[in-house]
Amino acid sequence: MRSVRARAALGATVVVALALGAAGLAVLLVLRANLTDQAGLQAEVAAREVAGQLALGVPYGELDTGDEEEHPVQVTGEDGRVAAVSKDLEAISGTGTDQVEPSAAAGAGDDDDDRDGDDEPGGGEVDTDEPDFANGTATVDGDRADYRFAAVEVTDPAGRTLTVHAGAPLAAEQRAVDSVRAAMLAGLPVVLLVVAGTTWLVTRRALRPVEGIRREMAAITASEDLGRRVPEPGSRDEVARLARTTNETLAALEESVGRQRRFVADASHELRSPIASLRTQLEVAAAHPDLLDLPGAVADTVRLQSLAADLLLLARLDAGERPGATRLDLGALVREEVSQRVGDRIPVSVSVRGGGLEVAGSRGQLARVLGNLLDNAQRHAVRSVSVTVDADAGGVLVAVTDDGAGVPEAERDRIFARFVRLDEARARDDGGAGLGLAIARDVAARHGGTLTVSGARFELRLPRHDTGALPPNPRSSIAGGA
């Protein structure tokens, strides 16, 4: 039962068995009811024939009751005494009295009727209401059988009310019901076997592509070759959609692993240079203390520390770290960060337009974005660098502009990739490791905003605190990000 095919076959078989059982029971009940109604109709006809004779004054001894075995008859008076019965009727039940011999009082009354019948003013009357029905048994000439009895009331010419009980055999109904029941019981196992086998085969055929997907996934896991793909069936059902989704997942995983490997390789390359430079300076200083380049060693250490901090921040962002939901005044944040910058070769002008420029996020991360944009502007500016904060279509816009040459249109997407430096910024001392803009866009995306560039103008757009909300687990939009 651990197999899906087995569970599906068992479930289908159980459902069909219950459905056929309920349907078969309903058929048997309807068949029995119809046949019982037919027997009741026959009994009513026989009872009314005898009642008609009584209404015409036919003496009890001369009543024509027809075939006693097919329609046993019992006539009772108002006091329940038996007035007449069919010939050879030996026992009866279901009519209200088990007597099968006419009472003496009823016989005497009959003689009076025969004698004085000519003086009666008119005939009797048969009750036309729906007769009463009951099931019982009767023994005729030694044979006992089940019958459906109909009770019809009649008033004879003498004004006495009699009840005629006439029966119709239920043997045909019982034989028909038994035959149908036997046929159903004989055919049910065959039907269930067909259902179980068909379900097994259909489920096996339907799940065959799933087994192919499982085998291929196991092979991919064993080989660690993320370039392989699972087979996609030509159908358009759920299994085909599962295969396509699996291949899309594998493609995304392959791309992610590739980005991670490139990130590790680029990080190793970037770390190698300052570490090697610092080691060289320390080895020279150890051999020749008078040749120690202390400022250069400090600069390499600072650069190595900055690079390690950038890599650590990227690792936290890639791990899904969410920024805090602190409420910040972006205009005040820009003014404070610009006022704390020292050593800029070009003064930065700040313009904050209007109020209500509040956003939700991490103060430290947003300050890092602003610092990276200003550092980039300082490297490329000629004479001026400016920062503008303004409202923008339900959000807040921070624009950092310099008077440099700007970013070529063909490079405006690539510049946000990690470890990417344009040609004029290839110098490691001036151009950095190529992580500043990548970090800035990643942080912007995780705050529900965007970072774009047009020429020498970088625009950071963030949702306002009262209209926007941080995504539950934003994904980085950096091209080529790890």
Protein backbone atom coordinates (compact mmCIF):
# COMPACT_ATOMS: atom_id res chain seq x y z
CA MET A 1 0.00 0.00 0.00
CA ARG A 2 3.03 2.30 -0.15
CA SER A 3 2.55 2.50 -3.92
CA VAL A 4 0.40 5.26 -5.39
CA ARG A 5 -0.91 2.78 -7.94
CA ALA A 6 -2.02 0.37 -5.22
CA ARG A 7 -3.72 3.09 -3.22
CA ALA A 8 -5.45 4.46 -6.32
CA ALA A 9 -6.64 0.98 -7.37
CA LEU A 10 -7.88 0.18 -3.86
CA GLY A 11 -9.61 3.53 -3.52
CA ALA A 12 -11.34 3.21 -6.90
CA THR A 13 -12.39 -0.37 -6.10
CA VAL A 14 -13.83 0.60 -2.72
CA VAL A 15 -15.72 3.54 -4.21
CA VAL A 16 -17.14 1.42 -7.04
CA ALA A 17 -18.06 -1.36 -4.60
CA LEU A 18 -19.94 1.07 -2.37
CA ALA A 19 -21.64 2.67 -5.36
CA LEU A 20 -22.66 -0.68 -6.87
CA GLY A 21 -23.80 -1.93 -3.48
CA ALA A 22 -25.98 1.11 -2.95
CA ALA A 23 -27.32 0.94 -6.51
CA GLY A 24 -27.98 -2.80 -6.23
CA LEU A 25 -29.82 -2.36 -2.94
CA ALA A 26 -31.93 0.40 -4.47
CA VAL A 27 -32.74 -1.81 -7.47
CA LEU A 28 -33.76 -4.70 -5.24
CA LEU A 29 -35.95 -2.48 -3.09
CA VAL A 30 -37.65 -0.94 -6.13
CA LEU A 31 -38.11 -4.36 -7.76
CA ARG A 32 -39.58 -5.84 -4.59
CA ALA A 33 -41.90 -2.85 -4.15
CA ASN A 34 -43.14 -3.08 -7.76
CA LEU A 35 -43.72 -6.82 -7.60
CA THR A 36 -45.44 -6.48 -4.21
CA ASP A 37 -47.69 -3.77 -5.66
CA GLN A 38 -48.56 -6.07 -8.56
CA ALA A 39 -49.42 -8.87 -6.14
CA GLY A 40 -51.52 -6.44 -4.15
CA LEU A 41 -53.38 -5.39 -7.29
CA GLN A 42 -54.14 -9.03 -8.11
CA ALA A 43 -55.33 -9.62 -4.56
CA GLU A 44 -57.57 -6.54 -4.75
CA VAL A 45 -59.15 -7.75 -8.01
CA ALA A 46 -59.87 -11.16 -6.49
CA ALA A 47 -61.28 -9.60 -3.32
CA ARG A 48 -63.58 -7.27 -5.28
CA GLU A 49 -64.88 -10.17 -7.40
CA VAL A 50 -65.90 -12.04 -4.26
CA ALA A 51 -67.27 -8.84 -2.69
CA GLY A 52 -69.37 -8.25 -5.80
CA GLN A 53 -70.94 -11.68 -5.42
CA LEU A 54 -71.73 -10.99 -1.75
CA ALA A 55 -73.29 -7.65 -2.69
CA LEU A 56 -75.58 -9.50 -5.10
CA GLY A 57 -76.72 -11.87 -2.34
CA VAL A 58 -74.87 -15.00 -3.47
CA PRO A 59 -74.96 -17.47 -0.57
CA TYR A 60 -71.64 -18.20 1.16
CA GLY A 61 -71.65 -21.79 0.06
CA GLU A 62 -72.02 -20.84 -3.61
CA LEU A 63 -69.29 -18.18 -3.76
CA ASP A 64 -66.89 -18.55 -6.68
CA THR A 65 -63.44 -17.85 -5.14
CA GLY A 66 -61.48 -18.96 -8.16
CA ASP A 67 -58.19 -20.86 -7.83
CA GLU A 68 -57.69 -21.42 -4.11
CA GLU A 69 -53.89 -21.76 -4.44
CA GLU A 70 -53.56 -18.51 -6.39
CA HIS A 71 -56.14 -16.49 -4.43
CA PRO A 72 -57.12 -17.88 -1.02
CA VAL A 73 -60.18 -16.04 0.33
CA GLN A 74 -61.50 -15.46 3.83
CA VAL A 75 -64.75 -13.57 4.56
CA THR A 76 -65.30 -12.15 8.04
CA GLY A 77 -68.17 -10.29 9.66
CA GLU A 78 -68.18 -7.14 11.74
CA ASP A 79 -67.57 -9.14 14.90
CA GLY A 80 -64.52 -10.84 13.34
CA ARG A 81 -66.22 -14.20 12.93
CA VAL A 82 -65.40 -16.12 9.77
CA ALA A 83 -68.35 -16.32 7.40
CA ALA A 84 -66.75 -18.16 4.48
CA VAL A 85 -63.33 -19.41 3.28
CA SER A 86 -61.87 -20.87 0.11
CA LYS A 87 -61.99 -24.56 -0.46
CA ASP A 88 -59.02 -26.53 0.94
CA LEU A 89 -57.79 -23.51 2.98
CA GLU A 90 -56.21 -25.09 6.04
CA ALA A 91 -54.44 -22.16 7.76
CA ILE A 92 -54.07 -18.43 7.28
CA SER A 93 -52.26 -15.48 8.91
CA GLY A 94 -52.09 -11.76 8.22
CA THR A 95 -55.83 -11.16 7.89
CA GLY A 96 -56.59 -10.41 11.53
CA THR A 97 -57.98 -13.87 12.36
CA ASP A 98 -56.50 -17.31 11.95
CA GLN A 99 -59.88 -19.13 11.76
CA VAL A 100 -60.50 -21.10 8.58
CA GLU A 101 -63.92 -22.61 9.52
CA PRO A 102 -67.18 -20.61 9.11
CA SER A 103 -68.83 -19.89 12.46
CA ALA A 104 -72.27 -21.38 13.23
CA ALA A 105 -73.84 -17.95 13.72
CA ALA A 106 -72.67 -16.84 10.31
CA GLY A 107 -74.03 -20.01 8.73
CA ALA A 108 -77.44 -19.53 10.34
CA GLY A 109 -77.62 -16.01 9.08
CA ASP A 110 -76.82 -17.28 5.63
CA ASP A 111 -79.71 -19.70 5.71
CA ASP A 112 -82.03 -16.87 6.68
CA ASP A 113 -80.74 -14.89 3.76
CA ASP A 114 -81.40 -17.75 1.38
CA ARG A 115 -84.83 -18.09 2.72
CA ASP A 116 -85.82 -14.48 2.88
CA GLY A 117 -83.64 -13.07 0.15
CA ASP A 118 -86.57 -12.49 -2.18
CA ASP A 119 -88.10 -10.08 0.32
CA GLU A 120 -85.02 -7.80 0.42
CA PRO A 121 -85.69 -4.41 -1.09
CA GLY A 122 -82.41 -4.30 -3.06
CA GLY A 123 -78.77 -5.45 -3.45
CA GLY A 124 -75.72 -4.68 -1.35
CA GLU A 125 -72.79 -2.31 -2.00
CA VAL A 126 -69.01 -2.79 -2.40
CA ASP A 127 -66.76 -0.19 -0.70
CA THR A 128 -64.81 1.69 -3.37
CA ASP A 129 -62.14 3.07 -1.03
CA GLU A 130 -58.54 1.92 -1.21
CA PRO A 131 -58.33 -1.50 0.40
CA ASP A 132 -56.02 -2.37 3.25
CA PHE A 133 -52.99 -4.51 2.38
CA ALA A 134 -50.98 -6.88 4.54
CA ASN A 135 -48.49 -9.68 4.06
CA GLY A 136 -49.16 -13.09 5.51
CA THR A 137 -49.16 -16.81 4.87
CA ALA A 138 -51.74 -19.38 3.85
CA THR A 139 -51.76 -23.18 3.74
CA VAL A 140 -53.84 -24.58 0.91
CA ASP A 141 -54.14 -28.34 0.49
CA GLY A 142 -51.00 -28.85 2.55
CA ASP A 143 -48.82 -26.26 0.74
CA ARG A 144 -47.77 -23.23 2.79
CA ALA A 145 -46.74 -20.01 0.96
CA ASP A 146 -46.44 -16.27 1.42
CA TYR A 147 -49.24 -14.03 0.16
CA ARG A 148 -50.19 -10.40 -0.24
CA PHE A 149 -53.69 -9.90 1.17
CA ALA A 150 -56.17 -7.17 0.21
CA ALA A 151 -59.13 -6.41 2.50
CA VAL A 152 -62.27 -5.05 0.78
CA GLU A 153 -65.43 -4.18 2.72
CA VAL A 154 -68.89 -4.99 1.31
CA THR A 155 -72.51 -4.55 2.48
CA ASP A 156 -74.73 -7.52 1.61
CA PRO A 157 -78.46 -7.19 0.77
CA ALA A 158 -79.30 -7.85 4.42
CA GLY A 159 -77.36 -4.73 5.42
CA ARG A 160 -74.51 -6.57 7.11
CA THR A 161 -70.92 -5.34 6.62
CA LEU A 162 -68.47 -8.05 5.63
CA THR A 163 -64.75 -7.94 4.92
CA VAL A 164 -63.31 -10.00 2.08
CA HIS A 165 -59.64 -10.98 2.46
CA ALA A 166 -58.17 -12.23 -0.80
CA GLY A 167 -54.52 -13.10 -1.34
CA ALA A 168 -52.07 -13.15 -4.22
CA PRO A 169 -48.85 -15.25 -4.02
CA LEU A 170 -45.50 -13.56 -3.44
CA ALA A 171 -43.50 -16.46 -4.78
CA ALA A 172 -42.86 -14.72 -8.11
CA GLU A 173 -41.65 -11.60 -6.32
CA GLN A 174 -39.34 -13.66 -4.14
CA ARG A 175 -37.95 -15.61 -7.12
CA ALA A 176 -37.32 -12.43 -9.11
CA VAL A 177 -35.62 -10.68 -6.21
CA ASP A 178 -33.50 -13.74 -5.45
CA SER A 179 -32.48 -14.06 -9.11
CA VAL A 180 -31.49 -10.42 -9.39
CA ARG A 181 -29.61 -10.58 -6.07
CA ALA A 182 -27.73 -13.69 -7.17
CA ALA A 183 -26.83 -12.10 -10.51
CA MET A 184 -25.55 -8.97 -8.76
CA LEU A 185 -23.50 -10.94 -6.25
CA ALA A 186 -22.02 -13.03 -9.04
CA GLY A 187 -21.18 -10.04 -11.24
CA LEU A 188 -19.90 -7.72 -8.51
CA PRO A 189 -16.48 -9.42 -8.06
CA VAL A 190 -15.93 -9.41 -11.81
CA VAL A 191 -16.76 -5.71 -12.05
CA LEU A 192 -14.49 -4.91 -9.10
CA LEU A 193 -11.61 -6.87 -10.62
CA VAL A 194 -12.05 -4.99 -13.90
CA VAL A 195 -12.13 -1.65 -12.08
CA ALA A 196 -9.05 -2.47 -9.99
CA GLY A 197 -7.09 -3.73 -12.99
CA THR A 198 -8.06 -0.79 -15.18
CA THR A 199 -7.21 1.70 -12.45
CA TRP A 200 -3.86 0.00 -11.86
CA LEU A 201 -2.94 0.09 -15.55
CA VAL A 202 -4.15 3.66 -16.13
CA THR A 203 -2.39 4.93 -13.01
CA ARG A 204 0.79 3.09 -13.97
CA ARG A 205 0.74 4.64 -17.41
CA ALA A 206 -0.01 8.09 -15.98
CA LEU A 207 2.78 7.86 -13.40
CA ARG A 208 5.40 6.47 -15.77
CA PRO A 209 6.70 9.99 -16.61
CA VAL A 210 6.91 10.74 -12.88
CA GLU A 211 9.18 7.74 -12.42
CA GLY A 212 11.32 9.04 -15.28
CA ILE A 213 11.53 12.42 -13.57
CA ARG A 214 12.51 10.73 -10.29
CA ARG A 215 15.25 8.65 -11.90
CA GLU A 216 16.70 11.67 -13.68
CA MET A 217 16.61 13.75 -10.50
CA ALA A 218 18.42 10.95 -8.66
CA ALA A 219 21.02 10.84 -11.41
CA ILE A 220 21.45 14.62 -11.27
CA THR A 221 21.90 14.46 -7.51
CA ALA A 222 24.47 11.67 -7.81
CA SER A 223 26.42 13.32 -10.63
CA GLU A 224 26.04 16.93 -9.38
CA ASP A 225 25.60 17.92 -13.03
CA LEU A 226 23.06 20.72 -12.89
CA GLY A 227 23.13 21.05 -16.67
CA ARG A 228 20.99 17.95 -17.08
CA ARG A 229 17.20 18.19 -17.37
CA VAL A 230 14.34 15.83 -16.65
CA PRO A 231 12.30 14.48 -19.58
CA GLU A 232 9.17 16.45 -20.40
CA PRO A 233 6.19 14.40 -21.68
CA GLY A 234 4.32 15.68 -24.69
CA SER A 235 1.02 15.84 -22.82
CA ARG A 236 -0.42 18.97 -21.30
CA ASP A 237 -1.43 17.50 -17.97
CA GLU A 238 -0.17 17.99 -14.43
CA VAL A 239 2.82 15.68 -14.95
CA ALA A 240 4.01 17.76 -17.91
CA ARG A 241 3.67 20.92 -15.86
CA LEU A 242 5.61 19.24 -13.04
CA ALA A 243 8.43 18.37 -15.45
CA ARG A 244 8.56 21.91 -16.84
CA THR A 245 8.59 23.41 -13.35
CA THR A 246 11.32 20.98 -12.31
CA ASN A 247 13.45 21.99 -15.30
CA GLU A 248 12.88 25.65 -14.52
CA THR A 249 13.98 25.00 -10.94
CA LEU A 250 17.07 23.17 -12.16
CA ALA A 251 17.88 26.05 -14.51
CA ALA A 252 17.51 28.57 -11.70
CA LEU A 253 19.63 26.37 -9.41
CA GLU A 254 22.29 26.00 -12.08
CA GLU A 255 22.38 29.75 -12.60
CA SER A 256 22.52 30.37 -8.85
CA VAL A 257 25.36 27.90 -8.36
CA GLY A 258 27.18 29.43 -11.32
CA ARG A 259 26.79 32.90 -9.85
CA GLN A 260 28.00 31.64 -6.50
CA ARG A 261 31.08 30.09 -8.05
CA ARG A 262 31.85 33.25 -10.00
CA PHE A 263 31.32 35.26 -6.83
CA VAL A 264 33.76 33.09 -4.88
CA ALA A 265 36.30 33.27 -7.71
CA ASP A 266 35.99 37.04 -8.03
CA ALA A 267 36.12 37.52 -4.26
CA SER A 268 39.24 35.36 -4.06
CA HIS A 269 40.84 37.37 -6.84
CA GLU A 270 39.99 40.68 -5.21
CA LEU A 271 41.26 39.54 -1.81
CA ARG A 272 44.49 38.18 -3.24
CA SER A 273 45.83 41.55 -4.35
CA PRO A 274 45.64 43.52 -1.06
CA ILE A 275 46.74 40.50 0.94
CA ALA A 276 49.74 39.93 -1.35
CA SER A 277 50.63 43.63 -1.26
CA LEU A 278 50.37 43.78 2.51
CA ARG A 279 52.47 40.63 2.91
CA THR A 280 55.13 41.98 0.59
CA GLN A 281 55.36 45.22 2.55
CA LEU A 282 55.58 43.35 5.85
CA GLU A 283 58.28 41.00 4.54
CA VAL A 284 60.32 43.96 3.25
CA ALA A 285 59.85 45.72 6.59
CA ALA A 286 61.01 42.61 8.43
CA ALA A 287 64.19 42.44 6.34
CA HIS A 288 64.75 46.18 6.04
CA PRO A 289 62.92 48.13 8.76
CA ASP A 290 64.01 51.41 7.30
CA LEU A 291 62.12 50.64 4.05
CA LEU A 292 58.71 50.09 5.76
CA ASP A 293 55.90 51.81 3.80
CA LEU A 294 53.60 52.36 6.72
CA PRO A 295 51.02 54.50 4.85
CA GLY A 296 50.82 51.91 2.09
CA ALA A 297 50.34 49.10 4.59
CA VAL A 298 47.60 51.03 6.33
CA ALA A 299 45.92 51.76 2.99
CA ASP A 300 46.04 48.08 2.00
CA THR A 301 44.63 47.09 5.40
CA VAL A 302 41.82 49.61 5.09
CA ARG A 303 41.04 48.41 1.57
CA LEU A 304 41.08 44.80 2.75
CA GLN A 305 38.78 45.67 5.65
CA SER A 306 36.36 47.50 3.35
CA LEU A 307 36.33 44.60 0.89
CA ALA A 308 35.66 42.10 3.69
CA ALA A 309 32.81 44.27 4.97
CA ASP A 310 31.29 44.43 1.47
CA LEU A 311 31.54 40.67 1.03
CA LEU A 312 29.98 40.09 4.44
CA LEU A 313 27.08 42.42 3.63
CA LEU A 314 26.49 40.68 0.29
CA ALA A 315 26.53 37.31 2.03
CA ARG A 316 23.88 38.49 4.50
CA LEU A 317 21.75 39.90 1.70
CA ASP A 318 22.04 36.70 -0.33
CA ALA A 319 21.01 34.72 2.75
CA GLY A 320 17.72 36.64 2.76
CA GLU A 321 18.38 39.10 5.58
CA ARG A 322 15.47 41.52 5.79
CA PRO A 323 16.03 45.18 6.56
CA GLY A 324 14.52 46.57 9.72
CA ALA A 325 11.19 48.37 9.52
CA THR A 326 12.39 51.55 11.20
CA ARG A 327 10.60 54.75 10.18
CA LEU A 328 13.14 57.17 8.69
CA ASP A 329 13.07 60.72 7.40
CA LEU A 330 15.10 60.32 4.21
CA GLY A 331 15.81 64.06 3.89
CA ALA A 332 17.25 64.22 7.41
CA LEU A 333 19.27 61.05 6.76
CA VAL A 334 20.83 62.53 3.60
CA ARG A 335 21.74 65.78 5.36
CA GLU A 336 23.32 63.92 8.27
CA GLU A 337 25.35 61.54 6.12
CA VAL A 338 26.65 64.29 3.83
CA SER A 339 27.66 66.44 6.83
CA GLN A 340 29.74 63.58 8.23
CA ARG A 341 31.73 62.99 5.07
CA VAL A 342 35.30 64.22 5.31
CA GLY A 343 38.02 64.05 2.72
CA ASP A 344 35.73 64.52 -0.31
CA ARG A 345 37.66 66.30 -3.04
CA ILE A 346 34.45 67.97 -4.26
CA PRO A 347 31.88 69.44 -1.84
CA VAL A 348 28.41 67.85 -2.04
CA SER A 349 25.36 70.09 -2.35
CA VAL A 350 22.11 68.86 -0.79
CA SER A 351 18.57 69.86 -1.75
CA VAL A 352 15.57 68.51 0.17
CA ARG A 353 12.26 69.54 -1.34
CA GLY A 354 9.06 69.40 0.69
CA GLY A 355 8.27 67.27 3.71
CA GLY A 356 6.77 63.90 4.50
CA LEU A 357 9.73 62.09 2.94
CA GLU A 358 9.56 59.14 5.31
CA VAL A 359 10.39 55.56 4.41
CA ALA A 360 10.60 52.26 6.30
CA GLY A 361 13.86 50.36 6.40
CA SER A 362 17.34 49.97 7.84
CA ARG A 363 19.13 53.22 8.59
CA GLY A 364 22.54 51.61 8.27
CA GLN A 365 21.81 49.96 4.91
CA LEU A 366 20.24 53.09 3.39
CA ALA A 367 23.20 55.16 4.63
CA ARG A 368 25.46 52.61 2.94
CA VAL A 369 23.57 53.06 -0.34
CA LEU A 370 23.94 56.83 -0.18
CA GLY A 371 27.63 56.54 0.71
CA ASN A 372 28.33 54.19 -2.20
CA LEU A 373 26.55 56.52 -4.65
CA LEU A 374 28.48 59.54 -3.37
CA ASP A 375 31.78 57.62 -3.52
CA ASN A 376 31.03 56.72 -7.13
CA ALA A 377 30.15 60.34 -7.93
CA GLN A 378 33.38 61.62 -6.30
CA ARG A 379 35.47 59.29 -8.46
CA HIS A 380 33.95 60.54 -11.72
CA ALA A 381 32.94 64.15 -11.01
CA VAL A 382 34.87 67.10 -12.46
CA ARG A 383 33.67 70.03 -10.35
CA SER A 384 30.28 69.30 -8.76
CA VAL A 385 28.31 66.59 -6.94
CA SER A 386 24.70 67.11 -5.81
CA VAL A 387 22.03 65.15 -3.94
CA THR A 388 18.31 65.89 -4.35
CA VAL A 389 15.52 64.41 -2.20
CA ASP A 390 11.96 64.85 -3.41
CA ALA A 391 8.56 63.19 -3.46
CA ASP A 392 7.87 61.03 -6.51
CA ALA A 393 4.57 59.30 -7.41
CA GLY A 394 3.75 57.91 -3.97
CA GLY A 395 7.39 57.37 -3.07
CA VAL A 396 10.60 59.22 -2.31
CA LEU A 397 13.26 59.95 -4.91
CA VAL A 398 16.94 60.42 -4.06
CA ALA A 399 19.00 61.60 -7.04
CA VAL A 400 22.83 61.72 -6.94
CA THR A 401 24.30 63.67 -9.87
CA ASP A 402 27.81 64.59 -10.90
CA ASP A 403 29.25 66.45 -13.88
CA GLY A 404 31.34 63.56 -15.11
CA ALA A 405 31.11 61.75 -18.42
CA GLY A 406 28.31 59.50 -17.17
CA VAL A 407 27.64 55.82 -17.80
CA PRO A 408 27.32 54.75 -21.45
CA GLU A 409 23.86 53.46 -22.28
CA ALA A 410 25.23 50.03 -23.19
CA GLU A 411 26.75 49.67 -19.71
CA ARG A 412 23.80 50.87 -17.60
CA ASP A 413 22.72 47.36 -16.64
CA ARG A 414 26.15 45.76 -16.40
CA ILE A 415 27.47 48.43 -14.06
CA PHE A 416 25.28 47.06 -11.24
CA ALA A 417 26.80 43.57 -11.53
CA ARG A 418 29.25 42.46 -8.90
CA PHE A 419 33.00 42.99 -9.45
CA VAL A 420 32.31 45.03 -12.60
CA ARG A 421 34.40 48.15 -13.22
CA LEU A 422 34.23 50.24 -16.35
CA ASP A 423 37.44 50.89 -18.29
CA GLU A 424 38.09 54.31 -16.80
CA ALA A 425 37.76 52.86 -13.31
CA ARG A 426 39.99 49.83 -13.74
CA ALA A 427 42.62 51.13 -11.40
CA ARG A 428 42.16 49.26 -8.14
CA ASP A 429 43.22 52.15 -5.99
CA ASP A 430 40.60 54.44 -7.49
CA GLY A 431 37.94 52.13 -8.85
CA GLY A 432 37.47 49.86 -5.85
CA ALA A 433 36.41 46.22 -6.13
CA GLY A 434 33.28 46.89 -8.17
CA LEU A 435 30.86 46.04 -5.35
CA GLY A 436 29.52 49.47 -4.34
CA LEU A 437 26.80 49.82 -6.96
CA ALA A 438 25.90 46.14 -6.73
CA ILE A 439 25.35 46.50 -2.99
CA ALA A 440 23.37 49.72 -3.51
CA ARG A 441 20.93 48.13 -5.96
CA ASP A 442 20.56 45.00 -3.85
CA VAL A 443 19.72 47.03 -0.73
CA ALA A 444 17.29 49.17 -2.73
CA ALA A 445 15.51 46.07 -4.01
CA ARG A 446 15.21 44.62 -0.51
CA HIS A 447 13.61 47.87 0.64
CA GLY A 448 10.98 47.54 -2.09
CA GLY A 449 12.62 50.22 -4.24
CA THR A 450 14.72 50.60 -7.38
CA LEU A 451 18.08 52.04 -8.36
CA THR A 452 18.62 53.22 -11.92
CA VAL A 453 21.15 55.33 -13.81
CA SER A 454 20.77 57.78 -16.63
CA GLY A 455 24.03 59.33 -17.76
CA ALA A 456 25.71 60.66 -14.62
CA ARG A 457 22.48 60.67 -12.57
CA PHE A 458 21.68 57.80 -10.21
CA GLU A 459 18.05 57.67 -8.98
CA LEU A 460 17.02 55.76 -5.84
CA ARG A 461 13.24 55.35 -5.47
CA LEU A 462 11.75 54.03 -2.24
CA PRO A 463 8.09 53.61 -1.21
CA ARG A 464 6.80 56.00 1.42
CA HIS A 465 6.21 54.69 4.89
CA ASP A 466 2.43 55.24 4.73
CA THR A 467 1.87 53.75 1.25
CA GLY A 468 4.54 51.14 0.76
CA ALA A 469 5.63 48.07 2.65
CA LEU A 470 8.71 45.95 2.61
CA PRO A 471 8.38 42.69 0.66
CA PRO A 472 8.25 39.58 2.85
CA ASN A 473 11.44 38.12 1.42
CA PRO A 474 12.61 40.19 -1.54
CA ARG A 475 14.94 38.70 -4.08
CA SER A 476 17.91 40.55 -5.42
CA SER A 477 17.46 42.15 -8.80
CA ILE A 478 21.18 42.48 -9.44
CA ALA A 479 22.21 40.98 -12.73
CA GLY A 480 24.79 38.30 -12.11
CA GLY A 481 24.34 38.46 -8.30
CA ALA A 482 25.27 35.44 -6.22
